[in-house]
Amino acid sequence: MVTTSSRILDDIARLATDAAGAAQGVRRELETVVRTQIERLLRELDVVTREEFEAVREMALLAREENDKLAARLAALEAAQPEP
């Protein structure tokens, strides 16, 4: 009786282990499909990557700084001009 119970418990444990392995395989496959679909959707929407966004943001900040410097220089030149 003990051997039969042990064998049944071993079979149940093996089935549970196999089911868990199958579930992990399904999970990985589902993640791959979802990731692929999301990447395709983002490409179709023409969404920029984080790196592209950060590069353009840095360029805009530098342009703003340069614009502020030029505005200050222009104001100084205009102030130095004699009034007619």
C-alpha atoms as a PDB file:
ATOM      1  CA  MET A   1       0.000   0.000   0.000  1.00  0.00           C
ATOM      2  CA  VAL A   2       2.815   2.428   0.841  1.00  0.00           C
ATOM      3  CA  THR A   3       4.538   1.741  -2.473  1.00  0.00           C
ATOM      4  CA  THR A   4       1.322   2.369  -4.394  1.00  0.00           C
ATOM      5  CA  SER A   5       0.696   5.630  -2.524  1.00  0.00           C
ATOM      6  CA  SER A   6       4.274   6.701  -3.090  1.00  0.00           C
ATOM      7  CA  ARG A   7       4.022   5.902  -6.804  1.00  0.00           C
ATOM      8  CA  ILE A   8       0.769   7.875  -7.108  1.00  0.00           C
ATOM      9  CA  LEU A   9       2.307  10.850  -5.293  1.00  0.00           C
ATOM     10  CA  ASP A  10       5.378  10.639  -7.541  1.00  0.00           C
ATOM     11  CA  ASP A  11       3.131  10.622 -10.621  1.00  0.00           C
ATOM     12  CA  ILE A  12       1.173  13.626  -9.329  1.00  0.00           C
ATOM     13  CA  ALA A  13       4.412  15.484  -8.585  1.00  0.00           C
ATOM     14  CA  ARG A  14       5.742  14.677 -12.065  1.00  0.00           C
ATOM     15  CA  LEU A  15       2.498  15.892 -13.671  1.00  0.00           C
ATOM     16  CA  ALA A  16       2.626  19.117 -11.650  1.00  0.00           C
ATOM     17  CA  THR A  17       6.240  19.689 -12.655  1.00  0.00           C
ATOM     18  CA  ASP A  18       5.450  19.031 -16.311  1.00  0.00           C
ATOM     19  CA  ALA A  19       2.450  21.359 -16.154  1.00  0.00           C
ATOM     20  CA  ALA A  20       4.562  24.110 -14.592  1.00  0.00           C
ATOM     21  CA  GLY A  21       7.178  23.686 -17.318  1.00  0.00           C
ATOM     22  CA  ALA A  22       4.521  23.829 -20.014  1.00  0.00           C
ATOM     23  CA  ALA A  23       3.007  26.938 -18.429  1.00  0.00           C
ATOM     24  CA  GLN A  24       6.418  28.641 -18.459  1.00  0.00           C
ATOM     25  CA  GLY A  25       6.850  27.749 -22.113  1.00  0.00           C
ATOM     26  CA  VAL A  26       3.444  29.195 -22.961  1.00  0.00           C
ATOM     27  CA  ARG A  27       4.281  32.319 -20.950  1.00  0.00           C
ATOM     28  CA  ARG A  28       7.553  32.837 -22.831  1.00  0.00           C
ATOM     29  CA  GLU A  29       5.840  32.301 -26.181  1.00  0.00           C
ATOM     30  CA  LEU A  30       3.058  34.731 -25.269  1.00  0.00           C
ATOM     31  CA  GLU A  31       5.591  37.353 -24.142  1.00  0.00           C
ATOM     32  CA  THR A  32       7.436  36.991 -27.451  1.00  0.00           C
ATOM     33  CA  VAL A  33       4.247  37.399 -29.478  1.00  0.00           C
ATOM     34  CA  VAL A  34       3.096  40.405 -27.453  1.00  0.00           C
ATOM     35  CA  ARG A  35       6.527  42.058 -27.629  1.00  0.00           C
ATOM     36  CA  THR A  36       6.673  41.536 -31.391  1.00  0.00           C
ATOM     37  CA  GLN A  37       3.205  43.011 -31.873  1.00  0.00           C
ATOM     38  CA  ILE A  38       3.974  46.038 -29.687  1.00  0.00           C
ATOM     39  CA  GLU A  39       7.245  46.691 -31.533  1.00  0.00           C
ATOM     40  CA  ARG A  40       5.407  46.461 -34.878  1.00  0.00           C
ATOM     41  CA  LEU A  41       2.723  48.861 -33.649  1.00  0.00           C
ATOM     42  CA  LEU A  42       5.314  51.357 -32.415  1.00  0.00           C
ATOM     43  CA  ARG A  43       7.148  51.206 -35.752  1.00  0.00           C
ATOM     44  CA  GLU A  44       3.890  51.857 -37.602  1.00  0.00           C
ATOM     45  CA  LEU A  45       3.089  54.793 -35.322  1.00  0.00           C
ATOM     46  CA  ASP A  46       6.571  56.178 -36.036  1.00  0.00           C
ATOM     47  CA  VAL A  47       7.312  56.662 -32.326  1.00  0.00           C
ATOM     48  CA  VAL A  48      10.828  57.833 -31.538  1.00  0.00           C
ATOM     49  CA  THR A  49      13.149  55.875 -29.309  1.00  0.00           C
ATOM     50  CA  ARG A  50      14.261  57.191 -25.932  1.00  0.00           C
ATOM     51  CA  GLU A  51      17.778  57.749 -27.298  1.00  0.00           C
ATOM     52  CA  GLU A  52      16.472  59.834 -30.203  1.00  0.00           C
ATOM     53  CA  PHE A  53      14.281  61.845 -27.866  1.00  0.00           C
ATOM     54  CA  GLU A  54      17.164  62.556 -25.488  1.00  0.00           C
ATOM     55  CA  ALA A  55      19.449  63.591 -28.376  1.00  0.00           C
ATOM     56  CA  VAL A  56      16.895  66.065 -29.744  1.00  0.00           C
ATOM     57  CA  ARG A  57      16.167  67.338 -26.236  1.00  0.00           C
ATOM     58  CA  GLU A  58      19.870  68.037 -25.685  1.00  0.00           C
ATOM     59  CA  MET A  59      20.045  69.850 -29.040  1.00  0.00           C
ATOM     60  CA  ALA A  60      17.031  71.985 -28.071  1.00  0.00           C
ATOM     61  CA  LEU A  61      18.593  72.902 -24.725  1.00  0.00           C
ATOM     62  CA  LEU A  62      21.828  73.930 -26.422  1.00  0.00           C
ATOM     63  CA  ALA A  63      19.900  75.958 -29.009  1.00  0.00           C
ATOM     64  CA  ARG A  64      17.963  77.714 -26.238  1.00  0.00           C
ATOM     65  CA  GLU A  65      21.200  78.612 -24.428  1.00  0.00           C
ATOM     66  CA  GLU A  66      22.688  79.964 -27.661  1.00  0.00           C
ATOM     67  CA  ASN A  67      19.503  81.926 -28.359  1.00  0.00           C
ATOM     68  CA  ASP A  68      19.619  83.484 -24.879  1.00  0.00           C
ATOM     69  CA  LYS A  69      23.259  84.491 -25.391  1.00  0.00           C
ATOM     70  CA  LEU A  70      22.496  86.042 -28.770  1.00  0.00           C
ATOM     71  CA  ALA A  71      19.473  87.883 -27.378  1.00  0.00           C
ATOM     72  CA  ALA A  72      21.610  89.352 -24.587  1.00  0.00           C
ATOM     73  CA  ARG A  73      24.306  90.358 -27.081  1.00  0.00           C
ATOM     74  CA  LEU A  74      21.729  92.004 -29.354  1.00  0.00           C
ATOM     75  CA  ALA A  75      20.233  93.885 -26.416  1.00  0.00           C
ATOM     76  CA  ALA A  76      23.698  95.132 -25.444  1.00  0.00           C
ATOM     77  CA  LEU A  77      24.415  96.278 -29.010  1.00  0.00           C
ATOM     78  CA  GLU A  78      21.075  98.020 -29.272  1.00  0.00           C
ATOM     79  CA  ALA A  79      21.665  99.740 -25.932  1.00  0.00           C
ATOM     80  CA  ALA A  80      25.049 100.974 -27.135  1.00  0.00           C
ATOM     81  CA  GLN A  81      23.537 102.521 -30.270  1.00  0.00           C
ATOM     82  CA  PRO A  82      22.997 106.243 -30.003  1.00  0.00           C
ATOM     83  CA  GLU A  83      19.384 107.367 -30.376  1.00  0.00           C
ATOM     84  CA  PRO A  84      18.748 109.453 -33.550  1.00  0.00           C
END
